[in-house]
PDB file of N, CA and C in Angstrom:
ATOM      1  N   MET A   1      38.829  11.875 -10.846  1.00  0.00           N
ATOM      2  CA  MET A   1      38.033  10.922 -10.145  1.00  0.00           C
ATOM      3  C   MET A   1      37.572  11.553  -8.835  1.00  0.00           C
ATOM      4  N   SER A   2      36.335  11.271  -8.478  1.00  0.00           N
ATOM      5  CA  SER A   2      35.758  11.812  -7.259  1.00  0.00           C
ATOM      6  C   SER A   2      36.177  10.963  -6.064  1.00  0.00           C
ATOM      7  N   HIS A   3      36.478  11.640  -4.969  1.00  0.00           N
ATOM      8  CA  HIS A   3      36.879  10.927  -3.746  1.00  0.00           C
ATOM      9  C   HIS A   3      35.890  11.226  -2.631  1.00  0.00           C
ATOM     10  N   LYS A   4      34.601  11.050  -2.915  1.00  0.00           N
ATOM     11  CA  LYS A   4      33.585  11.280  -1.894  1.00  0.00           C
ATOM     12  C   LYS A   4      33.622  10.155  -0.872  1.00  0.00           C
ATOM     13  N   ALA A   5      33.411  10.533   0.350  1.00  0.00           N
ATOM     14  CA  ALA A   5      33.341   9.535   1.422  1.00  0.00           C
ATOM     15  C   ALA A   5      32.025   8.771   1.297  1.00  0.00           C
ATOM     16  N   PRO A   6      32.026   7.497   1.629  1.00  0.00           N
ATOM     17  CA  PRO A   6      30.785   6.727   1.580  1.00  0.00           C
ATOM     18  C   PRO A   6      29.752   7.325   2.538  1.00  0.00           C
ATOM     19  N   GLN A   7      28.479   7.229   2.144  1.00  0.00           N
ATOM     20  CA  GLN A   7      27.396   7.728   2.988  1.00  0.00           C
ATOM     21  C   GLN A   7      26.596   6.556   3.518  1.00  0.00           C
ATOM     22  N   SER A   8      26.059   6.740   4.687  1.00  0.00           N
ATOM     23  CA  SER A   8      25.237   5.680   5.256  1.00  0.00           C
ATOM     24  C   SER A   8      23.889   5.647   4.548  1.00  0.00           C
ATOM     25  N   LEU A   9      23.279   4.487   4.545  1.00  0.00           N
ATOM     26  CA  LEU A   9      21.970   4.337   3.938  1.00  0.00           C
ATOM     27  C   LEU A   9      20.955   5.218   4.651  1.00  0.00           C
ATOM     28  N   ALA A  10      21.047   5.332   5.951  1.00  0.00           N
ATOM     29  CA  ALA A  10      20.131   6.189   6.720  1.00  0.00           C
ATOM     30  C   ALA A  10      20.224   7.636   6.249  1.00  0.00           C
ATOM     31  N   ASP A  11      21.440   8.108   5.953  1.00  0.00           N
ATOM     32  CA  ASP A  11      21.611   9.474   5.451  1.00  0.00           C
ATOM     33  C   ASP A  11      20.979   9.628   4.075  1.00  0.00           C
ATOM     34  N   LEU A  12      21.150   8.629   3.221  1.00  0.00           N
ATOM     35  CA  LEU A  12      20.593   8.698   1.874  1.00  0.00           C
ATOM     36  C   LEU A  12      19.072   8.671   1.891  1.00  0.00           C
ATOM     37  N   ILE A  13      18.501   7.810   2.731  1.00  0.00           N
ATOM     38  CA  ILE A  13      17.044   7.730   2.823  1.00  0.00           C
ATOM     39  C   ILE A  13      16.479   8.980   3.480  1.00  0.00           C
ATOM     40  N   GLY A  14      17.177   9.502   4.462  1.00  0.00           N
ATOM     41  CA  GLY A  14      16.695  10.656   5.210  1.00  0.00           C
ATOM     42  C   GLY A  14      16.833  11.983   4.495  1.00  0.00           C
ATOM     43  N   ARG A  15      17.530  12.018   3.386  1.00  0.00           N
ATOM     44  CA  ARG A  15      17.733  13.285   2.670  1.00  0.00           C
ATOM     45  C   ARG A  15      16.440  13.676   1.952  1.00  0.00           C
ATOM     46  N   PRO A  16      15.782  14.777   2.390  1.00  0.00           N
ATOM     47  CA  PRO A  16      14.528  15.198   1.759  1.00  0.00           C
ATOM     48  C   PRO A  16      14.718  15.428   0.257  1.00  0.00           C
ATOM     49  N   GLY A  17      13.744  14.936  -0.506  1.00  0.00           N
ATOM     50  CA  GLY A  17      13.776  15.130  -1.950  1.00  0.00           C
ATOM     51  C   GLY A  17      14.550  14.078  -2.712  1.00  0.00           C
ATOM     52  N   SER A  18      15.273  13.218  -2.009  1.00  0.00           N
ATOM     53  CA  SER A  18      16.037  12.185  -2.696  1.00  0.00           C
ATOM     54  C   SER A  18      15.096  11.081  -3.158  1.00  0.00           C
ATOM     55  N   ALA A  19      15.502  10.344  -4.176  1.00  0.00           N
ATOM     56  CA  ALA A  19      14.683   9.251  -4.693  1.00  0.00           C
ATOM     57  C   ALA A  19      14.458   8.189  -3.621  1.00  0.00           C
ATOM     58  N   LEU A  20      15.481   7.902  -2.834  1.00  0.00           N
ATOM     59  CA  LEU A  20      15.323   6.908  -1.766  1.00  0.00           C
ATOM     60  C   LEU A  20      14.366   7.394  -0.682  1.00  0.00           C
ATOM     61  N   ASN A  21      14.402   8.674  -0.388  1.00  0.00           N
ATOM     62  CA  ASN A  21      13.490   9.235   0.599  1.00  0.00           C
ATOM     63  C   ASN A  21      12.054   9.125   0.104  1.00  0.00           C
ATOM     64  N   GLU A  22      11.834   9.438  -1.153  1.00  0.00           N
ATOM     65  CA  GLU A  22      10.490   9.335  -1.738  1.00  0.00           C
ATOM     66  C   GLU A  22      10.000   7.889  -1.710  1.00  0.00           C
ATOM     67  N   LEU A  23      10.865   6.967  -2.062  1.00  0.00           N
ATOM     68  CA  LEU A  23      10.517   5.553  -2.061  1.00  0.00           C
ATOM     69  C   LEU A  23      10.164   5.084  -0.645  1.00  0.00           C
ATOM     70  N   ALA A  24      10.959   5.479   0.332  1.00  0.00           N
ATOM     71  CA  ALA A  24      10.697   5.100   1.720  1.00  0.00           C
ATOM     72  C   ALA A  24       9.377   5.696   2.210  1.00  0.00           C
ATOM     73  N   THR A  25       9.089   6.917   1.827  1.00  0.00           N
ATOM     74  CA  THR A  25       7.846   7.572   2.221  1.00  0.00           C
ATOM     75  C   THR A  25       6.641   6.856   1.622  1.00  0.00           C
ATOM     76  N   ARG A  26       6.714   6.503   0.339  1.00  0.00           N
ATOM     77  CA  ARG A  26       5.615   5.787  -0.310  1.00  0.00           C
ATOM     78  C   ARG A  26       5.404   4.416   0.321  1.00  0.00           C
ATOM     79  N   ALA A  27       6.498   3.739   0.639  1.00  0.00           N
ATOM     80  CA  ALA A  27       6.386   2.414   1.266  1.00  0.00           C
ATOM     81  C   ALA A  27       5.731   2.532   2.642  1.00  0.00           C
ATOM     82  N   GLU A  28       6.115   3.531   3.397  1.00  0.00           N
ATOM     83  CA  GLU A  28       5.538   3.737   4.727  1.00  0.00           C
ATOM     84  C   GLU A  28       4.042   4.035   4.630  1.00  0.00           C
ATOM     85  N   ARG A  29       3.651   4.879   3.662  1.00  0.00           N
ATOM     86  CA  ARG A  29       2.226   5.188   3.464  1.00  0.00           C
ATOM     87  C   ARG A  29       1.440   3.932   3.091  1.00  0.00           C
ATOM     88  N   SER A  30       2.031   3.118   2.237  1.00  0.00           N
ATOM     89  CA  SER A  30       1.373   1.895   1.794  1.00  0.00           C
ATOM     90  C   SER A  30       1.173   0.924   2.956  1.00  0.00           C
ATOM     91  N   LEU A  31       2.183   0.761   3.786  1.00  0.00           N
ATOM     92  CA  LEU A  31       2.072  -0.108   4.963  1.00  0.00           C
ATOM     93  C   LEU A  31       1.016   0.410   5.933  1.00  0.00           C
ATOM     94  N   ASP A  32       0.984   1.727   6.135  1.00  0.00           N
ATOM     95  CA  ASP A  32       0.010   2.348   7.022  1.00  0.00           C
ATOM     96  C   ASP A  32      -1.409   2.150   6.475  1.00  0.00           C
ATOM     97  N   LEU A  33      -1.585   2.333   5.172  1.00  0.00           N
ATOM     98  CA  LEU A  33      -2.896   2.161   4.555  1.00  0.00           C
ATOM     99  C   LEU A  33      -3.373   0.720   4.697  1.00  0.00           C
ATOM    100  N   ALA A  34      -2.508  -0.236   4.413  1.00  0.00           N
ATOM    101  CA  ALA A  34      -2.886  -1.647   4.537  1.00  0.00           C
ATOM    102  C   ALA A  34      -3.290  -1.964   5.974  1.00  0.00           C
ATOM    103  N   ALA A  35      -2.559  -1.453   6.951  1.00  0.00           N
ATOM    104  CA  ALA A  35      -2.895  -1.691   8.362  1.00  0.00           C
ATOM    105  C   ALA A  35      -4.247  -1.079   8.705  1.00  0.00           C
ATOM    106  N   THR A  36      -4.504   0.122   8.225  1.00  0.00           N
ATOM    107  CA  THR A  36      -5.790   0.788   8.469  1.00  0.00           C
ATOM    108  C   THR A  36      -6.937  -0.022   7.877  1.00  0.00           C
ATOM    109  N   LEU A  37      -6.756  -0.510   6.661  1.00  0.00           N
ATOM    110  CA  LEU A  37      -7.804  -1.297   6.016  1.00  0.00           C
ATOM    111  C   LEU A  37      -8.044  -2.607   6.755  1.00  0.00           C
ATOM    112  N   ARG A  38      -6.976  -3.282   7.165  1.00  0.00           N
ATOM    113  CA  ARG A  38      -7.130  -4.544   7.908  1.00  0.00           C
ATOM    114  C   ARG A  38      -7.898  -4.321   9.209  1.00  0.00           C
ATOM    115  N   GLN A  39      -7.583  -3.218   9.898  1.00  0.00           N
ATOM    116  CA  GLN A  39      -8.252  -2.927  11.173  1.00  0.00           C
ATOM    117  C   GLN A  39      -9.730  -2.621  10.975  1.00  0.00           C
ATOM    118  N   GLY A  40     -10.078  -2.061   9.820  1.00  0.00           N
ATOM    119  CA  GLY A  40     -11.463  -1.696   9.551  1.00  0.00           C
ATOM    120  C   GLY A  40     -12.306  -2.813   8.979  1.00  0.00           C
ATOM    121  N   LEU A  41     -11.674  -3.897   8.574  1.00  0.00           N
ATOM    122  CA  LEU A  41     -12.394  -5.045   8.039  1.00  0.00           C
ATOM    123  C   LEU A  41     -12.741  -6.022   9.160  1.00  0.00           C
ATOM    124  N   PRO A  42     -13.775  -6.821   8.943  1.00  0.00           N
ATOM    125  CA  PRO A  42     -14.027  -7.892   9.920  1.00  0.00           C
ATOM    126  C   PRO A  42     -12.802  -8.798  10.000  1.00  0.00           C
ATOM    127  N   GLU A  43     -12.559  -9.334  11.155  1.00  0.00           N
ATOM    128  CA  GLU A  43     -11.371 -10.180  11.355  1.00  0.00           C
ATOM    129  C   GLU A  43     -11.315 -11.334  10.358  1.00  0.00           C
ATOM    130  N   SER A  44     -12.484 -11.821   9.960  1.00  0.00           N
ATOM    131  CA  SER A  44     -12.535 -12.946   9.019  1.00  0.00           C
ATOM    132  C   SER A  44     -12.051 -12.565   7.620  1.00  0.00           C
ATOM    133  N   LEU A  45     -11.978 -11.268   7.309  1.00  0.00           N
ATOM    134  CA  LEU A  45     -11.513 -10.811   5.990  1.00  0.00           C
ATOM    135  C   LEU A  45     -10.119 -10.190   6.020  1.00  0.00           C
ATOM    136  N   ALA A  46      -9.725  -9.690   7.159  1.00  0.00           N
ATOM    137  CA  ALA A  46      -8.470  -8.933   7.251  1.00  0.00           C
ATOM    138  C   ALA A  46      -7.261  -9.742   6.799  1.00  0.00           C
ATOM    139  N   GLY A  47      -7.248 -11.033   7.073  1.00  0.00           N
ATOM    140  CA  GLY A  47      -6.112 -11.865   6.704  1.00  0.00           C
ATOM    141  C   GLY A  47      -5.935 -12.045   5.209  1.00  0.00           C
ATOM    142  N   GLY A  48      -6.966 -11.777   4.433  1.00  0.00           N
ATOM    143  CA  GLY A  48      -6.872 -11.922   2.983  1.00  0.00           C
ATOM    144  C   GLY A  48      -6.283 -10.725   2.282  1.00  0.00           C
ATOM    145  N   LEU A  49      -6.121  -9.616   3.011  1.00  0.00           N
ATOM    146  CA  LEU A  49      -5.563  -8.399   2.432  1.00  0.00           C
ATOM    147  C   LEU A  49      -4.052  -8.397   2.619  1.00  0.00           C
ATOM    148  N   ASP A  50      -3.326  -8.415   1.515  1.00  0.00           N
ATOM    149  CA  ASP A  50      -1.866  -8.495   1.569  1.00  0.00           C
ATOM    150  C   ASP A  50      -1.212  -7.117   1.587  1.00  0.00           C
ATOM    151  N   ALA A  51      -1.680  -6.220   0.717  1.00  0.00           N
ATOM    152  CA  ALA A  51      -1.077  -4.889   0.596  1.00  0.00           C
ATOM    153  C   ALA A  51      -2.108  -3.923   0.028  1.00  0.00           C
ATOM    154  N   ALA A  52      -1.792  -2.627   0.125  1.00  0.00           N
ATOM    155  CA  ALA A  52      -2.698  -1.617  -0.418  1.00  0.00           C
ATOM    156  C   ALA A  52      -1.915  -0.372  -0.795  1.00  0.00           C
ATOM    157  N   SER A  53      -2.424   0.327  -1.804  1.00  0.00           N
ATOM    158  CA  SER A  53      -1.848   1.616  -2.176  1.00  0.00           C
ATOM    159  C   SER A  53      -2.951   2.487  -2.761  1.00  0.00           C
ATOM    160  N   LEU A  54      -2.772   3.782  -2.627  1.00  0.00           N
ATOM    161  CA  LEU A  54      -3.740   4.747  -3.145  1.00  0.00           C
ATOM    162  C   LEU A  54      -3.043   5.564  -4.225  1.00  0.00           C
ATOM    163  N   HIS A  55      -3.501   5.421  -5.447  1.00  0.00           N
ATOM    164  CA  HIS A  55      -2.863   6.074  -6.587  1.00  0.00           C
ATOM    165  C   HIS A  55      -3.346   7.511  -6.743  1.00  0.00           C
ATOM    166  N   PRO A  56      -2.576   8.360  -7.426  1.00  0.00           N
ATOM    167  CA  PRO A  56      -2.940   9.762  -7.581  1.00  0.00           C
ATOM    168  C   PRO A  56      -4.299   9.993  -8.249  1.00  0.00           C
ATOM    169  N   ASP A  57      -4.768   9.042  -9.063  1.00  0.00           N
ATOM    170  CA  ASP A  57      -6.065   9.208  -9.729  1.00  0.00           C
ATOM    171  C   ASP A  57      -7.238   8.771  -8.851  1.00  0.00           C
ATOM    172  N   GLY A  58      -6.979   8.423  -7.582  1.00  0.00           N
ATOM    173  CA  GLY A  58      -8.033   8.036  -6.661  1.00  0.00           C
ATOM    174  C   GLY A  58      -8.362   6.552  -6.674  1.00  0.00           C
ATOM    175  N   THR A  59      -7.529   5.759  -7.324  1.00  0.00           N
ATOM    176  CA  THR A  59      -7.749   4.316  -7.348  1.00  0.00           C
ATOM    177  C   THR A  59      -7.075   3.677  -6.142  1.00  0.00           C
ATOM    178  N   LEU A  60      -7.889   2.995  -5.354  1.00  0.00           N
ATOM    179  CA  LEU A  60      -7.371   2.211  -4.231  1.00  0.00           C
ATOM    180  C   LEU A  60      -7.064   0.822  -4.773  1.00  0.00           C
ATOM    181  N   VAL A  61      -5.803   0.437  -4.729  1.00  0.00           N
ATOM    182  CA  VAL A  61      -5.397  -0.882  -5.205  1.00  0.00           C
ATOM    183  C   VAL A  61      -5.110  -1.750  -3.981  1.00  0.00           C
ATOM    184  N   VAL A  62      -5.858  -2.841  -3.890  1.00  0.00           N
ATOM    185  CA  VAL A  62      -5.724  -3.778  -2.790  1.00  0.00           C
ATOM    186  C   VAL A  62      -5.217  -5.092  -3.380  1.00  0.00           C
ATOM    187  N   THR A  63      -4.223  -5.667  -2.741  1.00  0.00           N
ATOM    188  CA  THR A  63      -3.691  -6.948  -3.177  1.00  0.00           C
ATOM    189  C   THR A  63      -4.173  -8.025  -2.215  1.00  0.00           C
ATOM    190  N   ALA A  64      -4.809  -9.034  -2.796  1.00  0.00           N
ATOM    191  CA  ALA A  64      -5.334 -10.148  -2.007  1.00  0.00           C
ATOM    192  C   ALA A  64      -4.381 -11.329  -2.079  1.00  0.00           C
ATOM    193  N   THR A  65      -4.475 -12.203  -1.113  1.00  0.00           N
ATOM    194  CA  THR A  65      -3.565 -13.340  -1.045  1.00  0.00           C
ATOM    195  C   THR A  65      -3.964 -14.496  -1.947  1.00  0.00           C
ATOM    196  N   SER A  66      -5.188 -14.482  -2.496  1.00  0.00           N
ATOM    197  CA  SER A  66      -5.639 -15.535  -3.408  1.00  0.00           C
ATOM    198  C   SER A  66      -6.837 -15.012  -4.200  1.00  0.00           C
ATOM    199  N   PRO A  67      -7.203 -15.681  -5.281  1.00  0.00           N
ATOM    200  CA  PRO A  67      -8.394 -15.268  -6.033  1.00  0.00           C
ATOM    201  C   PRO A  67      -9.671 -15.305  -5.182  1.00  0.00           C
ATOM    202  N   ALA A  68      -9.777 -16.268  -4.287  1.00  0.00           N
ATOM    203  CA  ALA A  68     -10.960 -16.347  -3.423  1.00  0.00           C
ATOM    204  C   ALA A  68     -11.046 -15.126  -2.505  1.00  0.00           C
ATOM    205  N   TRP A  69      -9.902 -14.739  -1.922  1.00  0.00           N
ATOM    206  CA  TRP A  69      -9.886 -13.541  -1.071  1.00  0.00           C
ATOM    207  C   TRP A  69     -10.179 -12.296  -1.906  1.00  0.00           C
ATOM    208  N   ALA A  70      -9.682 -12.244  -3.129  1.00  0.00           N
ATOM    209  CA  ALA A  70      -9.940 -11.093  -3.998  1.00  0.00           C
ATOM    210  C   ALA A  70     -11.434 -10.919  -4.215  1.00  0.00           C
ATOM    211  N   ALA A  71     -12.127 -12.003  -4.478  1.00  0.00           N
ATOM    212  CA  ALA A  71     -13.580 -11.936  -4.685  1.00  0.00           C
ATOM    213  C   ALA A  71     -14.285 -11.427  -3.429  1.00  0.00           C
ATOM    214  N   ARG A  72     -13.874 -11.926  -2.280  1.00  0.00           N
ATOM    215  CA  ARG A  72     -14.496 -11.495  -1.019  1.00  0.00           C
ATOM    216  C   ARG A  72     -14.220 -10.017  -0.751  1.00  0.00           C
ATOM    217  N   LEU A  73     -13.009  -9.557  -1.046  1.00  0.00           N
ATOM    218  CA  LEU A  73     -12.668  -8.146  -0.812  1.00  0.00           C
ATOM    219  C   LEU A  73     -13.407  -7.227  -1.773  1.00  0.00           C
ATOM    220  N   ARG A  74     -13.679  -7.681  -2.987  1.00  0.00           N
ATOM    221  CA  ARG A  74     -14.442  -6.858  -3.940  1.00  0.00           C
ATOM    222  C   ARG A  74     -15.825  -6.524  -3.391  1.00  0.00           C
ATOM    223  N   PHE A  75     -16.408  -7.462  -2.639  1.00  0.00           N
ATOM    224  CA  PHE A  75     -17.720  -7.211  -2.042  1.00  0.00           C
ATOM    225  C   PHE A  75     -17.657  -6.153  -0.939  1.00  0.00           C
ATOM    226  N   GLU A  76     -16.466  -5.835  -0.485  1.00  0.00           N
ATOM    227  CA  GLU A  76     -16.275  -4.846   0.577  1.00  0.00           C
ATOM    228  C   GLU A  76     -15.857  -3.480   0.020  1.00  0.00           C
ATOM    229  N   GLU A  77     -16.107  -3.241  -1.259  1.00  0.00           N
ATOM    230  CA  GLU A  77     -15.652  -1.999  -1.901  1.00  0.00           C
ATOM    231  C   GLU A  77     -16.084  -0.759  -1.135  1.00  0.00           C
ATOM    232  N   ALA A  78     -17.359  -0.639  -0.810  1.00  0.00           N
ATOM    233  CA  ALA A  78     -17.851   0.568  -0.116  1.00  0.00           C
ATOM    234  C   ALA A  78     -17.128   0.767   1.213  1.00  0.00           C
ATOM    235  N   ARG A  79     -16.952  -0.316   1.960  1.00  0.00           N
ATOM    236  CA  ARG A  79     -16.270  -0.225   3.255  1.00  0.00           C
ATOM    237  C   ARG A  79     -14.811   0.184   3.064  1.00  0.00           C
ATOM    238  N   LEU A  80     -14.118  -0.440   2.108  1.00  0.00           N
ATOM    239  CA  LEU A  80     -12.701  -0.128   1.880  1.00  0.00           C
ATOM    240  C   LEU A  80     -12.514   1.322   1.453  1.00  0.00           C
ATOM    241  N   LEU A  81     -13.381   1.807   0.575  1.00  0.00           N
ATOM    242  CA  LEU A  81     -13.279   3.210   0.149  1.00  0.00           C
ATOM    243  C   LEU A  81     -13.567   4.142   1.321  1.00  0.00           C
ATOM    244  N   ALA A  82     -14.551   3.801   2.137  1.00  0.00           N
ATOM    245  CA  ALA A  82     -14.881   4.633   3.299  1.00  0.00           C
ATOM    246  C   ALA A  82     -13.735   4.676   4.302  1.00  0.00           C
ATOM    247  N   LEU A  83     -13.008   3.580   4.436  1.00  0.00           N
ATOM    248  CA  LEU A  83     -11.878   3.547   5.364  1.00  0.00           C
ATOM    249  C   LEU A  83     -10.740   4.476   4.925  1.00  0.00           C
ATOM    250  N   CYS A  84     -10.764   4.893   3.681  1.00  0.00           N
ATOM    251  CA  CYS A  84      -9.735   5.812   3.152  1.00  0.00           C
ATOM    252  C   CYS A  84     -10.138   7.274   3.302  1.00  0.00           C
ATOM    253  N   ALA A  85     -11.275   7.534   3.913  1.00  0.00           N
ATOM    254  CA  ALA A  85     -11.747   8.907   4.078  1.00  0.00           C
ATOM    255  C   ALA A  85     -10.684   9.757   4.744  1.00  0.00           C
ATOM    256  N   GLY A  86     -10.488  10.932   4.228  1.00  0.00           N
ATOM    257  CA  GLY A  86      -9.511  11.864   4.789  1.00  0.00           C
ATOM    258  C   GLY A  86      -8.130  11.736   4.190  1.00  0.00           C
ATOM    259  N   ARG A  87      -7.916  10.747   3.367  1.00  0.00           N
ATOM    260  CA  ARG A  87      -6.607  10.597   2.715  1.00  0.00           C
ATOM    261  C   ARG A  87      -6.611  11.376   1.417  1.00  0.00           C
ATOM    262  N   GLU A  88      -5.445  11.746   0.999  1.00  0.00           N
ATOM    263  CA  GLU A  88      -5.282  12.445  -0.278  1.00  0.00           C
ATOM    264  C   GLU A  88      -4.485  11.587  -1.226  1.00  0.00           C
ATOM    265  N   PRO A  89      -4.931  11.424  -2.432  1.00  0.00           N
ATOM    266  CA  PRO A  89      -6.207  11.893  -2.982  1.00  0.00           C
ATOM    267  C   PRO A  89      -7.354  11.048  -2.429  1.00  0.00           C
ATOM    268  N   PRO A  90      -8.600  11.553  -2.562  1.00  0.00           N
ATOM    269  CA  PRO A  90      -9.732  10.756  -2.095  1.00  0.00           C
ATOM    270  C   PRO A  90      -9.853   9.465  -2.907  1.00  0.00           C
ATOM    271  N   ALA A  91     -10.135   8.368  -2.236  1.00  0.00           N
ATOM    272  CA  ALA A  91     -10.315   7.083  -2.924  1.00  0.00           C
ATOM    273  C   ALA A  91     -11.675   7.095  -3.612  1.00  0.00           C
ATOM    274  N   MET A  92     -11.659   6.849  -4.923  1.00  0.00           N
ATOM    275  CA  MET A  92     -12.887   6.911  -5.717  1.00  0.00           C
ATOM    276  C   MET A  92     -13.310   5.546  -6.264  1.00  0.00           C
ATOM    277  N   ARG A  93     -12.357   4.671  -6.436  1.00  0.00           N
ATOM    278  CA  ARG A  93     -12.649   3.355  -7.026  1.00  0.00           C
ATOM    279  C   ARG A  93     -11.699   2.329  -6.446  1.00  0.00           C
ATOM    280  N   LEU A  94     -12.111   1.076  -6.527  1.00  0.00           N
ATOM    281  CA  LEU A  94     -11.321  -0.022  -5.984  1.00  0.00           C
ATOM    282  C   LEU A  94     -10.856  -0.926  -7.118  1.00  0.00           C
ATOM    283  N   ARG A  95      -9.630  -1.349  -7.015  1.00  0.00           N
ATOM    284  CA  ARG A  95      -9.075  -2.353  -7.921  1.00  0.00           C
ATOM    285  C   ARG A  95      -8.431  -3.418  -7.036  1.00  0.00           C
ATOM    286  N   VAL A  96      -8.813  -4.665  -7.252  1.00  0.00           N
ATOM    287  CA  VAL A  96      -8.277  -5.757  -6.441  1.00  0.00           C
ATOM    288  C   VAL A  96      -7.393  -6.626  -7.320  1.00  0.00           C
ATOM    289  N   ARG A  97      -6.210  -6.874  -6.851  1.00  0.00           N
ATOM    290  CA  ARG A  97      -5.253  -7.742  -7.535  1.00  0.00           C
ATOM    291  C   ARG A  97      -4.946  -8.923  -6.625  1.00  0.00           C
ATOM    292  N   VAL A  98      -4.363  -9.956  -7.219  1.00  0.00           N
ATOM    293  CA  VAL A  98      -3.960 -11.134  -6.460  1.00  0.00           C
ATOM    294  C   VAL A  98      -2.437 -11.159  -6.409  1.00  0.00           C
ATOM    295  N   THR A  99      -1.905 -11.439  -5.226  1.00  0.00           N
ATOM    296  CA  THR A  99      -0.461 -11.546  -5.048  1.00  0.00           C
ATOM    297  C   THR A  99       0.079 -12.641  -5.948  1.00  0.00           C
ATOM    298  N   ALA A 100       1.168 -12.338  -6.637  1.00  0.00           N
ATOM    299  CA  ALA A 100       1.795 -13.349  -7.494  1.00  0.00           C
ATOM    300  C   ALA A 100       2.363 -14.463  -6.623  1.00  0.00           C
ATOM    301  N   PRO A 101       2.226 -15.706  -7.065  1.00  0.00           N
ATOM    302  CA  PRO A 101       2.784 -16.801  -6.271  1.00  0.00           C
ATOM    303  C   PRO A 101       4.295 -16.679  -6.159  1.00  0.00           C
ATOM    304  N   ALA A 102       4.841 -17.099  -5.045  1.00  0.00           N
ATOM    305  CA  ALA A 102       6.278 -17.038  -4.816  1.00  0.00           C
ATOM    306  C   ALA A 102       6.987 -17.982  -5.785  1.00  0.00           C
ATOM    307  N   ALA A 103       8.101 -17.515  -6.323  1.00  0.00           N
ATOM    308  CA  ALA A 103       8.909 -18.342  -7.214  1.00  0.00           C
ATOM    309  C   ALA A 103       9.573 -19.443  -6.393  1.00  0.00           C
ATOM    310  N   GLY A 104       9.634 -20.584  -6.952  1.00  0.00           N
ATOM    311  CA  GLY A 104      10.302 -21.605  -6.147  1.00  0.00           C
ATOM    312  C   GLY A 104      10.286 -22.864  -6.815  1.00  0.00           C
TER     313      GLY A 104
END
């Protein structure tokens, strides 16, 4: 039986190459991307954007807070893709999803 000492979560997340480190890095990138997109949108639209991620195939996936917000964000495709300029991979297409309603 192994008698390894417990490790702190900070150590596990901070270990380069670990699955937790990769997950934390992706989450941080996603939060940063969503913030960048919100800042680049008119204030009247920014509140409808819930989350964002940029997939390896160049698909920018934006999550809207409702179907109505999703429709409005689809009209902003050119702006949203332009706001991703300089990111890798380059954003080539937009996909808008709606946040699933909270269970309750």
